[in-house]
Amino acid sequence: MESTFFTKKHERLTRIASLANILAWLVLIIYSLAAIINFNGNRSILLAMGLPPDAMTSMDYVRFVINMLRMIVQGAMLWVVLKGIHLGLMMIVETDLNYREQKLGEETHG
């Protein structure tokens, strides 16, 4: 019975919601990998210069930590926004389907 309620509009919104969900996870993975690569890249630069990893000054550590936190926070914020889009669109579709079902029930019973 529910398939008769599901229109092309619902299908389109569900498809967009699914795409937002997939993009959310891709963004999270990409930003996580970028943070790891950034960490390894900084360590490799020090080793290439012939300096041990403990040769960084305290200000270098602060910049490094801020840069890592920035990447992690950006990835997390994009993930939250895309997951919000996914859940919001799915709620819109579900609400519309519930109203259609309720309206059809009232027409057949009343």
PDB file of N, CA and C in Angstrom:
ATOM      1  N   MET A   1       0.827  -1.194   0.000  1.00  0.00           N
ATOM      2  CA  MET A   1       0.000   0.000   0.000  1.00  0.00           C
ATOM      3  C   MET A   1       0.872   1.259   0.000  1.00  0.00           C
ATOM      4  N   GLU A   2       2.015   1.177   0.663  1.00  0.00           N
ATOM      5  CA  GLU A   2       2.882   2.340   0.768  1.00  0.00           C
ATOM      6  C   GLU A   2       3.502   2.698  -0.574  1.00  0.00           C
ATOM      7  N   SER A   3       3.687   1.709  -1.471  1.00  0.00           N
ATOM      8  CA  SER A   3       4.305   1.979  -2.759  1.00  0.00           C
ATOM      9  C   SER A   3       3.423   2.871  -3.631  1.00  0.00           C
ATOM     10  N   THR A   4       2.081   2.858  -3.411  1.00  0.00           N
ATOM     11  CA  THR A   4       1.202   3.730  -4.186  1.00  0.00           C
ATOM     12  C   THR A   4       1.359   5.184  -3.762  1.00  0.00           C
ATOM     13  N   PHE A   5       1.814   5.424  -2.533  1.00  0.00           N
ATOM     14  CA  PHE A   5       2.034   6.782  -2.047  1.00  0.00           C
ATOM     15  C   PHE A   5       3.357   7.348  -2.547  1.00  0.00           C
ATOM     16  N   PHE A   6       4.304   6.480  -2.825  1.00  0.00           N
ATOM     17  CA  PHE A   6       5.662   6.899  -3.156  1.00  0.00           C
ATOM     18  C   PHE A   6       5.703   7.445  -4.576  1.00  0.00           C
ATOM     19  N   THR A   7       5.841   8.760  -4.708  1.00  0.00           N
ATOM     20  CA  THR A   7       5.833   9.410  -6.015  1.00  0.00           C
ATOM     21  C   THR A   7       7.256   9.660  -6.498  1.00  0.00           C
ATOM     22  N   LYS A   8       7.363  10.206  -7.708  1.00  0.00           N
ATOM     23  CA  LYS A   8       8.679  10.553  -8.250  1.00  0.00           C
ATOM     24  C   LYS A   8       9.360  11.622  -7.393  1.00  0.00           C
ATOM     25  N   LYS A   9       8.564  12.508  -6.808  1.00  0.00           N
ATOM     26  CA  LYS A   9       9.120  13.532  -5.920  1.00  0.00           C
ATOM     27  C   LYS A   9       9.770  12.884  -4.701  1.00  0.00           C
ATOM     28  N   HIS A  10       9.101  11.902  -4.121  1.00  0.00           N
ATOM     29  CA  HIS A  10       9.658  11.187  -2.973  1.00  0.00           C
ATOM     30  C   HIS A  10      10.928  10.442  -3.378  1.00  0.00           C
ATOM     31  N   GLU A  11      10.882   9.818  -4.547  1.00  0.00           N
ATOM     32  CA  GLU A  11      12.042   9.074  -5.033  1.00  0.00           C
ATOM     33  C   GLU A  11      13.237  10.009  -5.226  1.00  0.00           C
ATOM     34  N   ARG A  12      12.994  11.192  -5.782  1.00  0.00           N
ATOM     35  CA  ARG A  12      14.059  12.166  -6.012  1.00  0.00           C
ATOM     36  C   ARG A  12      14.654  12.645  -4.682  1.00  0.00           C
ATOM     37  N   LEU A  13      13.794  12.961  -3.719  1.00  0.00           N
ATOM     38  CA  LEU A  13      14.279  13.407  -2.404  1.00  0.00           C
ATOM     39  C   LEU A  13      15.055  12.299  -1.690  1.00  0.00           C
ATOM     40  N   THR A  14      14.589  11.073  -1.810  1.00  0.00           N
ATOM     41  CA  THR A  14      15.283   9.944  -1.189  1.00  0.00           C
ATOM     42  C   THR A  14      16.645   9.737  -1.834  1.00  0.00           C
ATOM     43  N   ARG A  15      16.713   9.904  -3.141  1.00  0.00           N
ATOM     44  CA  ARG A  15      17.985   9.760  -3.849  1.00  0.00           C
ATOM     45  C   ARG A  15      18.980  10.841  -3.410  1.00  0.00           C
ATOM     46  N   ILE A  16      18.505  12.084  -3.287  1.00  0.00           N
ATOM     47  CA  ILE A  16      19.366  13.184  -2.836  1.00  0.00           C
ATOM     48  C   ILE A  16      19.831  12.931  -1.402  1.00  0.00           C
ATOM     49  N   ALA A  17      18.927  12.443  -0.555  1.00  0.00           N
ATOM     50  CA  ALA A  17      19.282  12.136   0.833  1.00  0.00           C
ATOM     51  C   ALA A  17      20.347  11.042   0.895  1.00  0.00           C
ATOM     52  N   SER A  18      20.193  10.030   0.073  1.00  0.00           N
ATOM     53  CA  SER A  18      21.183   8.945   0.041  1.00  0.00           C
ATOM     54  C   SER A  18      22.537   9.454  -0.441  1.00  0.00           C
ATOM     55  N   LEU A  19      22.530  10.328  -1.425  1.00  0.00           N
ATOM     56  CA  LEU A  19      23.768  10.918  -1.918  1.00  0.00           C
ATOM     57  C   LEU A  19      24.451  11.744  -0.830  1.00  0.00           C
ATOM     58  N   ALA A  20      23.669  12.512  -0.078  1.00  0.00           N
ATOM     59  CA  ALA A  20      24.230  13.305   1.022  1.00  0.00           C
ATOM     60  C   ALA A  20      24.831  12.392   2.089  1.00  0.00           C
ATOM     61  N   ASN A  21      24.192  11.269   2.354  1.00  0.00           N
ATOM     62  CA  ASN A  21      24.710  10.318   3.342  1.00  0.00           C
ATOM     63  C   ASN A  21      26.037   9.722   2.881  1.00  0.00           C
ATOM     64  N   ILE A  22      26.109   9.331   1.620  1.00  0.00           N
ATOM     65  CA  ILE A  22      27.348   8.772   1.070  1.00  0.00           C
ATOM     66  C   ILE A  22      28.456   9.820   1.091  1.00  0.00           C
ATOM     67  N   LEU A  23      28.131  11.045   0.677  1.00  0.00           N
ATOM     68  CA  LEU A  23      29.122  12.127   0.687  1.00  0.00           C
ATOM     69  C   LEU A  23      29.608  12.429   2.098  1.00  0.00           C
ATOM     70  N   ALA A  24      28.714  12.329   3.079  1.00  0.00           N
ATOM     71  CA  ALA A  24      29.109  12.580   4.466  1.00  0.00           C
ATOM     72  C   ALA A  24      30.212  11.620   4.885  1.00  0.00           C
ATOM     73  N   TRP A  25      30.038  10.350   4.593  1.00  0.00           N
ATOM     74  CA  TRP A  25      31.046   9.367   4.984  1.00  0.00           C
ATOM     75  C   TRP A  25      32.334   9.537   4.178  1.00  0.00           C
ATOM     76  N   LEU A  26      32.213   9.870   2.885  1.00  0.00           N
ATOM     77  CA  LEU A  26      33.413  10.119   2.082  1.00  0.00           C
ATOM     78  C   LEU A  26      34.201  11.305   2.619  1.00  0.00           C
ATOM     79  N   VAL A  27      33.500  12.376   2.975  1.00  0.00           N
ATOM     80  CA  VAL A  27      34.155  13.563   3.533  1.00  0.00           C
ATOM     81  C   VAL A  27      34.884  13.205   4.819  1.00  0.00           C
ATOM     82  N   LEU A  28      34.234  12.433   5.686  1.00  0.00           N
ATOM     83  CA  LEU A  28      34.864  12.047   6.947  1.00  0.00           C
ATOM     84  C   LEU A  28      36.134  11.221   6.699  1.00  0.00           C
ATOM     85  N   ILE A  29      36.065  10.298   5.765  1.00  0.00           N
ATOM     86  CA  ILE A  29      37.230   9.467   5.439  1.00  0.00           C
ATOM     87  C   ILE A  29      38.343  10.313   4.829  1.00  0.00           C
ATOM     88  N   ILE A  30      37.994  11.181   3.897  1.00  0.00           N
ATOM     89  CA  ILE A  30      39.002  12.012   3.225  1.00  0.00           C
ATOM     90  C   ILE A  30      39.692  12.946   4.211  1.00  0.00           C
ATOM     91  N   TYR A  31      38.942  13.604   5.072  1.00  0.00           N
ATOM     92  CA  TYR A  31      39.551  14.510   6.047  1.00  0.00           C
ATOM     93  C   TYR A  31      40.393  13.747   7.068  1.00  0.00           C
ATOM     94  N   SER A  32      39.963  12.558   7.440  1.00  0.00           N
ATOM     95  CA  SER A  32      40.764  11.746   8.364  1.00  0.00           C
ATOM     96  C   SER A  32      42.085  11.341   7.719  1.00  0.00           C
ATOM     97  N   LEU A  33      42.017  10.906   6.462  1.00  0.00           N
ATOM     98  CA  LEU A  33      43.242  10.548   5.748  1.00  0.00           C
ATOM     99  C   LEU A  33      44.145  11.760   5.557  1.00  0.00           C
ATOM    100  N   ALA A  34      43.559  12.912   5.273  1.00  0.00           N
ATOM    101  CA  ALA A  34      44.357  14.134   5.104  1.00  0.00           C
ATOM    102  C   ALA A  34      45.073  14.497   6.401  1.00  0.00           C
ATOM    103  N   ALA A  35      44.417  14.319   7.532  1.00  0.00           N
ATOM    104  CA  ALA A  35      45.060  14.617   8.816  1.00  0.00           C
ATOM    105  C   ALA A  35      46.228  13.664   9.065  1.00  0.00           C
ATOM    106  N   ILE A  36      46.038  12.390   8.731  1.00  0.00           N
ATOM    107  CA  ILE A  36      47.119  11.406   8.910  1.00  0.00           C
ATOM    108  C   ILE A  36      48.274  11.712   7.968  1.00  0.00           C
ATOM    109  N   ILE A  37      47.961  12.030   6.715  1.00  0.00           N
ATOM    110  CA  ILE A  37      49.009  12.365   5.738  1.00  0.00           C
ATOM    111  C   ILE A  37      49.749  13.623   6.171  1.00  0.00           C
ATOM    112  N   ASN A  38      49.034  14.598   6.684  1.00  0.00           N
ATOM    113  CA  ASN A  38      49.662  15.828   7.169  1.00  0.00           C
ATOM    114  C   ASN A  38      50.632  15.522   8.308  1.00  0.00           C
ATOM    115  N   PHE A  39      50.219  14.652   9.223  1.00  0.00           N
ATOM    116  CA  PHE A  39      51.080  14.272  10.339  1.00  0.00           C
ATOM    117  C   PHE A  39      52.356  13.600   9.833  1.00  0.00           C
ATOM    118  N   ASN A  40      52.182  12.621   8.939  1.00  0.00           N
ATOM    119  CA  ASN A  40      53.341  11.912   8.402  1.00  0.00           C
ATOM    120  C   ASN A  40      54.196  12.819   7.526  1.00  0.00           C
ATOM    121  N   GLY A  41      53.566  13.755   6.814  1.00  0.00           N
ATOM    122  CA  GLY A  41      54.304  14.681   5.968  1.00  0.00           C
ATOM    123  C   GLY A  41      55.206  15.592   6.771  1.00  0.00           C
ATOM    124  N   ASN A  42      54.719  16.107   7.878  1.00  0.00           N
ATOM    125  CA  ASN A  42      55.537  16.969   8.737  1.00  0.00           C
ATOM    126  C   ASN A  42      56.725  16.202   9.320  1.00  0.00           C
ATOM    127  N   ARG A  43      56.481  14.977   9.701  1.00  0.00           N
ATOM    128  CA  ARG A  43      57.565  14.149  10.240  1.00  0.00           C
ATOM    129  C   ARG A  43      58.600  13.852   9.167  1.00  0.00           C
ATOM    130  N   SER A  44      58.150  13.585   7.950  1.00  0.00           N
ATOM    131  CA  SER A  44      59.060  13.287   6.843  1.00  0.00           C
ATOM    132  C   SER A  44      59.901  14.493   6.471  1.00  0.00           C
ATOM    133  N   ILE A  45      59.320  15.679   6.536  1.00  0.00           N
ATOM    134  CA  ILE A  45      60.063  16.900   6.216  1.00  0.00           C
ATOM    135  C   ILE A  45      61.222  17.081   7.201  1.00  0.00           C
ATOM    136  N   LEU A  46      60.945  16.879   8.475  1.00  0.00           N
ATOM    137  CA  LEU A  46      62.003  17.002   9.479  1.00  0.00           C
ATOM    138  C   LEU A  46      63.122  15.982   9.239  1.00  0.00           C
ATOM    139  N   LEU A  47      62.738  14.758   8.917  1.00  0.00           N
ATOM    140  CA  LEU A  47      63.740  13.720   8.671  1.00  0.00           C
ATOM    141  C   LEU A  47      64.532  14.023   7.400  1.00  0.00           C
ATOM    142  N   ALA A  48      63.880  14.569   6.368  1.00  0.00           N
ATOM    143  CA  ALA A  48      64.568  14.909   5.122  1.00  0.00           C
ATOM    144  C   ALA A  48      65.573  16.041   5.334  1.00  0.00           C
ATOM    145  N   MET A  49      65.275  16.934   6.268  1.00  0.00           N
ATOM    146  CA  MET A  49      66.193  18.031   6.566  1.00  0.00           C
ATOM    147  C   MET A  49      67.333  17.558   7.457  1.00  0.00           C
ATOM    148  N   GLY A  50      67.292  16.314   7.869  1.00  0.00           N
ATOM    149  CA  GLY A  50      68.336  15.783   8.719  1.00  0.00           C
ATOM    150  C   GLY A  50      68.140  16.092  10.184  1.00  0.00           C
ATOM    151  N   LEU A  51      66.952  16.542  10.533  1.00  0.00           N
ATOM    152  CA  LEU A  51      66.658  16.882  11.919  1.00  0.00           C
ATOM    153  C   LEU A  51      65.840  15.756  12.553  1.00  0.00           C
ATOM    154  N   PRO A  52      66.099  15.461  13.786  1.00  0.00           N
ATOM    155  CA  PRO A  52      65.251  14.477  14.463  1.00  0.00           C
ATOM    156  C   PRO A  52      63.873  15.079  14.730  1.00  0.00           C
ATOM    157  N   PRO A  53      62.839  14.233  14.835  1.00  0.00           N
ATOM    158  CA  PRO A  53      61.480  14.750  15.071  1.00  0.00           C
ATOM    159  C   PRO A  53      61.359  15.605  16.331  1.00  0.00           C
ATOM    160  N   ASP A  54      62.262  15.421  17.292  1.00  0.00           N
ATOM    161  CA  ASP A  54      62.174  16.229  18.508  1.00  0.00           C
ATOM    162  C   ASP A  54      62.852  17.592  18.356  1.00  0.00           C
ATOM    163  N   ALA A  55      63.293  17.936  17.121  1.00  0.00           N
ATOM    164  CA  ALA A  55      63.945  19.226  16.886  1.00  0.00           C
ATOM    165  C   ALA A  55      62.933  20.355  16.678  1.00  0.00           C
ATOM    166  N   MET A  56      61.662  20.041  16.703  1.00  0.00           N
ATOM    167  CA  MET A  56      60.639  21.071  16.518  1.00  0.00           C
ATOM    168  C   MET A  56      60.572  21.964  17.758  1.00  0.00           C
ATOM    169  N   THR A  57      60.371  23.244  17.518  1.00  0.00           N
ATOM    170  CA  THR A  57      60.207  24.164  18.645  1.00  0.00           C
ATOM    171  C   THR A  57      58.785  24.061  19.165  1.00  0.00           C
ATOM    172  N   SER A  58      58.536  24.669  20.307  1.00  0.00           N
ATOM    173  CA  SER A  58      57.188  24.615  20.880  1.00  0.00           C
ATOM    174  C   SER A  58      56.182  25.326  19.971  1.00  0.00           C
ATOM    175  N   MET A  59      56.624  26.389  19.293  1.00  0.00           N
ATOM    176  CA  MET A  59      55.718  27.092  18.384  1.00  0.00           C
ATOM    177  C   MET A  59      55.377  26.223  17.168  1.00  0.00           C
ATOM    178  N   ASP A  60      56.347  25.423  16.704  1.00  0.00           N
ATOM    179  CA  ASP A  60      56.080  24.484  15.612  1.00  0.00           C
ATOM    180  C   ASP A  60      55.031  23.459  16.030  1.00  0.00           C
ATOM    181  N   TYR A  61      55.124  22.980  17.253  1.00  0.00           N
ATOM    182  CA  TYR A  61      54.128  22.031  17.759  1.00  0.00           C
ATOM    183  C   TYR A  61      52.743  22.675  17.827  1.00  0.00           C
ATOM    184  N   VAL A  62      52.699  23.917  18.274  1.00  0.00           N
ATOM    185  CA  VAL A  62      51.407  24.617  18.366  1.00  0.00           C
ATOM    186  C   VAL A  62      50.790  24.761  16.980  1.00  0.00           C
ATOM    187  N   ARG A  63      51.581  25.189  16.005  1.00  0.00           N
ATOM    188  CA  ARG A  63      51.069  25.323  14.630  1.00  0.00           C
ATOM    189  C   ARG A  63      50.598  23.978  14.089  1.00  0.00           C
ATOM    190  N   PHE A  64      51.384  22.956  14.353  1.00  0.00           N
ATOM    191  CA  PHE A  64      51.055  21.617  13.887  1.00  0.00           C
ATOM    192  C   PHE A  64      49.739  21.131  14.489  1.00  0.00           C
ATOM    193  N   VAL A  65      49.573  21.313  15.792  1.00  0.00           N
ATOM    194  CA  VAL A  65      48.348  20.869  16.473  1.00  0.00           C
ATOM    195  C   VAL A  65      47.149  21.676  15.980  1.00  0.00           C
ATOM    196  N   ILE A  66      47.307  22.980  15.809  1.00  0.00           N
ATOM    197  CA  ILE A  66      46.205  23.812  15.319  1.00  0.00           C
ATOM    198  C   ILE A  66      45.794  23.383  13.923  1.00  0.00           C
ATOM    199  N   ASN A  67      46.771  23.105  13.080  1.00  0.00           N
ATOM    200  CA  ASN A  67      46.471  22.668  11.715  1.00  0.00           C
ATOM    201  C   ASN A  67      45.738  21.324  11.729  1.00  0.00           C
ATOM    202  N   MET A  68      46.186  20.398  12.563  1.00  0.00           N
ATOM    203  CA  MET A  68      45.522  19.096  12.657  1.00  0.00           C
ATOM    204  C   MET A  68      44.091  19.250  13.183  1.00  0.00           C
ATOM    205  N   LEU A  69      43.913  20.058  14.218  1.00  0.00           N
ATOM    206  CA  LEU A  69      42.574  20.277  14.772  1.00  0.00           C
ATOM    207  C   LEU A  69      41.656  20.949  13.765  1.00  0.00           C
ATOM    208  N   ARG A  70      42.207  21.877  12.989  1.00  0.00           N
ATOM    209  CA  ARG A  70      41.409  22.551  11.967  1.00  0.00           C
ATOM    210  C   ARG A  70      40.890  21.548  10.949  1.00  0.00           C
ATOM    211  N   MET A  71      41.761  20.655  10.506  1.00  0.00           N
ATOM    212  CA  MET A  71      41.345  19.645   9.530  1.00  0.00           C
ATOM    213  C   MET A  71      40.293  18.707  10.117  1.00  0.00           C
ATOM    214  N   ILE A  72      40.492  18.302  11.351  1.00  0.00           N
ATOM    215  CA  ILE A  72      39.541  17.384  11.990  1.00  0.00           C
ATOM    216  C   ILE A  72      38.188  18.060  12.199  1.00  0.00           C
ATOM    217  N   VAL A  73      38.193  19.314  12.654  1.00  0.00           N
ATOM    218  CA  VAL A  73      36.941  20.040  12.894  1.00  0.00           C
ATOM    219  C   VAL A  73      36.213  20.319  11.583  1.00  0.00           C
ATOM    220  N   GLN A  74      36.945  20.690  10.538  1.00  0.00           N
ATOM    221  CA  GLN A  74      36.305  20.924   9.244  1.00  0.00           C
ATOM    222  C   GLN A  74      35.624  19.652   8.741  1.00  0.00           C
ATOM    223  N   GLY A  75      36.310  18.537   8.824  1.00  0.00           N
ATOM    224  CA  GLY A  75      35.723  17.266   8.392  1.00  0.00           C
ATOM    225  C   GLY A  75      34.503  16.896   9.213  1.00  0.00           C
ATOM    226  N   ALA A  76      34.590  17.098  10.522  1.00  0.00           N
ATOM    227  CA  ALA A  76      33.452  16.771  11.397  1.00  0.00           C
ATOM    228  C   ALA A  76      32.259  17.678  11.115  1.00  0.00           C
ATOM    229  N   MET A  77      32.518  18.965  10.875  1.00  0.00           N
ATOM    230  CA  MET A  77      31.414  19.894  10.582  1.00  0.00           C
ATOM    231  C   MET A  77      30.741  19.553   9.255  1.00  0.00           C
ATOM    232  N   LEU A  78      31.523  19.248   8.237  1.00  0.00           N
ATOM    233  CA  LEU A  78      30.930  18.853   6.956  1.00  0.00           C
ATOM    234  C   LEU A  78      30.127  17.566   7.102  1.00  0.00           C
ATOM    235  N   TRP A  79      30.636  16.628   7.909  1.00  0.00           N
ATOM    236  CA  TRP A  79      29.922  15.378   8.137  1.00  0.00           C
ATOM    237  C   TRP A  79      28.571  15.649   8.793  1.00  0.00           C
ATOM    238  N   VAL A  80      28.566  16.518   9.814  1.00  0.00           N
ATOM    239  CA  VAL A  80      27.322  16.838  10.524  1.00  0.00           C
ATOM    240  C   VAL A  80      26.325  17.516   9.582  1.00  0.00           C
ATOM    241  N   VAL A  81      26.800  18.447   8.760  1.00  0.00           N
ATOM    242  CA  VAL A  81      25.911  19.149   7.827  1.00  0.00           C
ATOM    243  C   VAL A  81      25.308  18.171   6.821  1.00  0.00           C
ATOM    244  N   LEU A  82      26.135  17.317   6.237  1.00  0.00           N
ATOM    245  CA  LEU A  82      25.625  16.364   5.245  1.00  0.00           C
ATOM    246  C   LEU A  82      24.699  15.327   5.880  1.00  0.00           C
ATOM    247  N   LYS A  83      25.013  14.873   7.090  1.00  0.00           N
ATOM    248  CA  LYS A  83      24.109  13.945   7.771  1.00  0.00           C
ATOM    249  C   LYS A  83      22.789  14.638   8.112  1.00  0.00           C
ATOM    250  N   GLY A  84      22.848  15.926   8.462  1.00  0.00           N
ATOM    251  CA  GLY A  84      21.632  16.694   8.731  1.00  0.00           C
ATOM    252  C   GLY A  84      20.758  16.808   7.491  1.00  0.00           C
ATOM    253  N   ILE A  85      21.394  17.036   6.344  1.00  0.00           N
ATOM    254  CA  ILE A  85      20.644  17.092   5.079  1.00  0.00           C
ATOM    255  C   ILE A  85      19.980  15.745   4.820  1.00  0.00           C
ATOM    256  N   HIS A  86      20.730  14.678   5.014  1.00  0.00           N
ATOM    257  CA  HIS A  86      20.187  13.333   4.808  1.00  0.00           C
ATOM    258  C   HIS A  86      18.975  13.084   5.702  1.00  0.00           C
ATOM    259  N   LEU A  87      19.139  13.335   6.998  1.00  0.00           N
ATOM    260  CA  LEU A  87      18.045  13.067   7.931  1.00  0.00           C
ATOM    261  C   LEU A  87      16.859  14.000   7.705  1.00  0.00           C
ATOM    262  N   GLY A  88      17.126  15.260   7.391  1.00  0.00           N
ATOM    263  CA  GLY A  88      16.048  16.215   7.136  1.00  0.00           C
ATOM    264  C   GLY A  88      15.199  15.819   5.932  1.00  0.00           C
ATOM    265  N   LEU A  89      15.858  15.440   4.846  1.00  0.00           N
ATOM    266  CA  LEU A  89      15.113  15.027   3.653  1.00  0.00           C
ATOM    267  C   LEU A  89      14.325  13.746   3.902  1.00  0.00           C
ATOM    268  N   MET A  90      14.920  12.822   4.638  1.00  0.00           N
ATOM    269  CA  MET A  90      14.197  11.582   4.943  1.00  0.00           C
ATOM    270  C   MET A  90      12.983  11.862   5.837  1.00  0.00           C
ATOM    271  N   MET A  91      13.112  12.822   6.756  1.00  0.00           N
ATOM    272  CA  MET A  91      11.968  13.195   7.602  1.00  0.00           C
ATOM    273  C   MET A  91      10.864  13.837   6.775  1.00  0.00           C
ATOM    274  N   ILE A  92      11.237  14.666   5.805  1.00  0.00           N
ATOM    275  CA  ILE A  92      10.237  15.299   4.936  1.00  0.00           C
ATOM    276  C   ILE A  92       9.467  14.239   4.161  1.00  0.00           C
ATOM    277  N   VAL A  93      10.179  13.279   3.593  1.00  0.00           N
ATOM    278  CA  VAL A  93       9.521  12.206   2.829  1.00  0.00           C
ATOM    279  C   VAL A  93       8.606  11.396   3.741  1.00  0.00           C
ATOM    280  N   GLU A  94       9.096  11.014   4.909  1.00  0.00           N
ATOM    281  CA  GLU A  94       8.299  10.209   5.843  1.00  0.00           C
ATOM    282  C   GLU A  94       7.058  10.962   6.310  1.00  0.00           C
ATOM    283  N   THR A  95       7.199  12.251   6.612  1.00  0.00           N
ATOM    284  CA  THR A  95       6.060  13.052   7.053  1.00  0.00           C
ATOM    285  C   THR A  95       5.012  13.152   5.954  1.00  0.00           C
ATOM    286  N   ASP A  96       5.471  13.401   4.733  1.00  0.00           N
ATOM    287  CA  ASP A  96       4.526  13.509   3.620  1.00  0.00           C
ATOM    288  C   ASP A  96       3.795  12.184   3.392  1.00  0.00           C
ATOM    289  N   LEU A  97       4.523  11.082   3.470  1.00  0.00           N
ATOM    290  CA  LEU A  97       3.879   9.775   3.298  1.00  0.00           C
ATOM    291  C   LEU A  97       2.869   9.503   4.415  1.00  0.00           C
ATOM    292  N   ASN A  98       3.202   9.910   5.641  1.00  0.00           N
ATOM    293  CA  ASN A  98       2.261   9.715   6.756  1.00  0.00           C
ATOM    294  C   ASN A  98       0.991  10.540   6.549  1.00  0.00           C
ATOM    295  N   TYR A  99       1.136  11.799   6.105  1.00  0.00           N
ATOM    296  CA  TYR A  99      -0.042  12.629   5.848  1.00  0.00           C
ATOM    297  C   TYR A  99      -0.888  12.056   4.719  1.00  0.00           C
ATOM    298  N   ARG A 100      -0.254  11.558   3.685  1.00  0.00           N
ATOM    299  CA  ARG A 100      -1.006  10.951   2.577  1.00  0.00           C
ATOM    300  C   ARG A 100      -1.772   9.721   3.045  1.00  0.00           C
ATOM    301  N   GLU A 101      -1.120   8.897   3.863  1.00  0.00           N
ATOM    302  CA  GLU A 101      -1.781   7.700   4.369  1.00  0.00           C
ATOM    303  C   GLU A 101      -2.957   8.067   5.273  1.00  0.00           C
ATOM    304  N   GLN A 102      -2.756   9.064   6.119  1.00  0.00           N
ATOM    305  CA  GLN A 102      -3.823   9.504   7.020  1.00  0.00           C
ATOM    306  C   GLN A 102      -4.994  10.076   6.206  1.00  0.00           C
ATOM    307  N   LYS A 103      -4.686  10.868   5.182  1.00  0.00           N
ATOM    308  CA  LYS A 103      -5.737  11.459   4.356  1.00  0.00           C
ATOM    309  C   LYS A 103      -6.516  10.376   3.611  1.00  0.00           C
ATOM    310  N   LEU A 104      -5.823   9.377   3.088  1.00  0.00           N
ATOM    311  CA  LEU A 104      -6.481   8.282   2.387  1.00  0.00           C
ATOM    312  C   LEU A 104      -7.350   7.476   3.346  1.00  0.00           C
ATOM    313  N   GLY A 105      -6.851   7.271   4.581  1.00  0.00           N
ATOM    314  CA  GLY A 105      -7.634   6.545   5.590  1.00  0.00           C
ATOM    315  C   GLY A 105      -8.912   7.272   5.953  1.00  0.00           C
ATOM    316  N   GLU A 106      -8.860   8.584   6.038  1.00  0.00           N
ATOM    317  CA  GLU A 106     -10.050   9.378   6.352  1.00  0.00           C
ATOM    318  C   GLU A 106     -11.046   9.353   5.211  1.00  0.00           C
ATOM    319  N   GLU A 107     -10.548   9.340   3.978  1.00  0.00           N
ATOM    320  CA  GLU A 107     -11.453   9.320   2.828  1.00  0.00           C
ATOM    321  C   GLU A 107     -12.155   7.969   2.699  1.00  0.00           C
ATOM    322  N   THR A 108     -11.469   6.870   3.014  1.00  0.00           N
ATOM    323  CA  THR A 108     -12.095   5.547   2.869  1.00  0.00           C
ATOM    324  C   THR A 108     -13.006   5.218   4.055  1.00  0.00           C
ATOM    325  N   HIS A 109     -12.721   5.775   5.240  1.00  0.00           N
ATOM    326  CA  HIS A 109     -13.535   5.473   6.426  1.00  0.00           C
ATOM    327  C   HIS A 109     -14.610   6.523   6.705  1.00  0.00           C
ATOM    328  N   GLY A 110     -14.451   7.683   6.142  1.00  0.00           N
ATOM    329  CA  GLY A 110     -15.377   8.739   6.537  1.00  0.00           C
ATOM    330  C   GLY A 110     -16.078   9.283   5.398  1.00  0.00           C
TER     331      GLY A 110
END
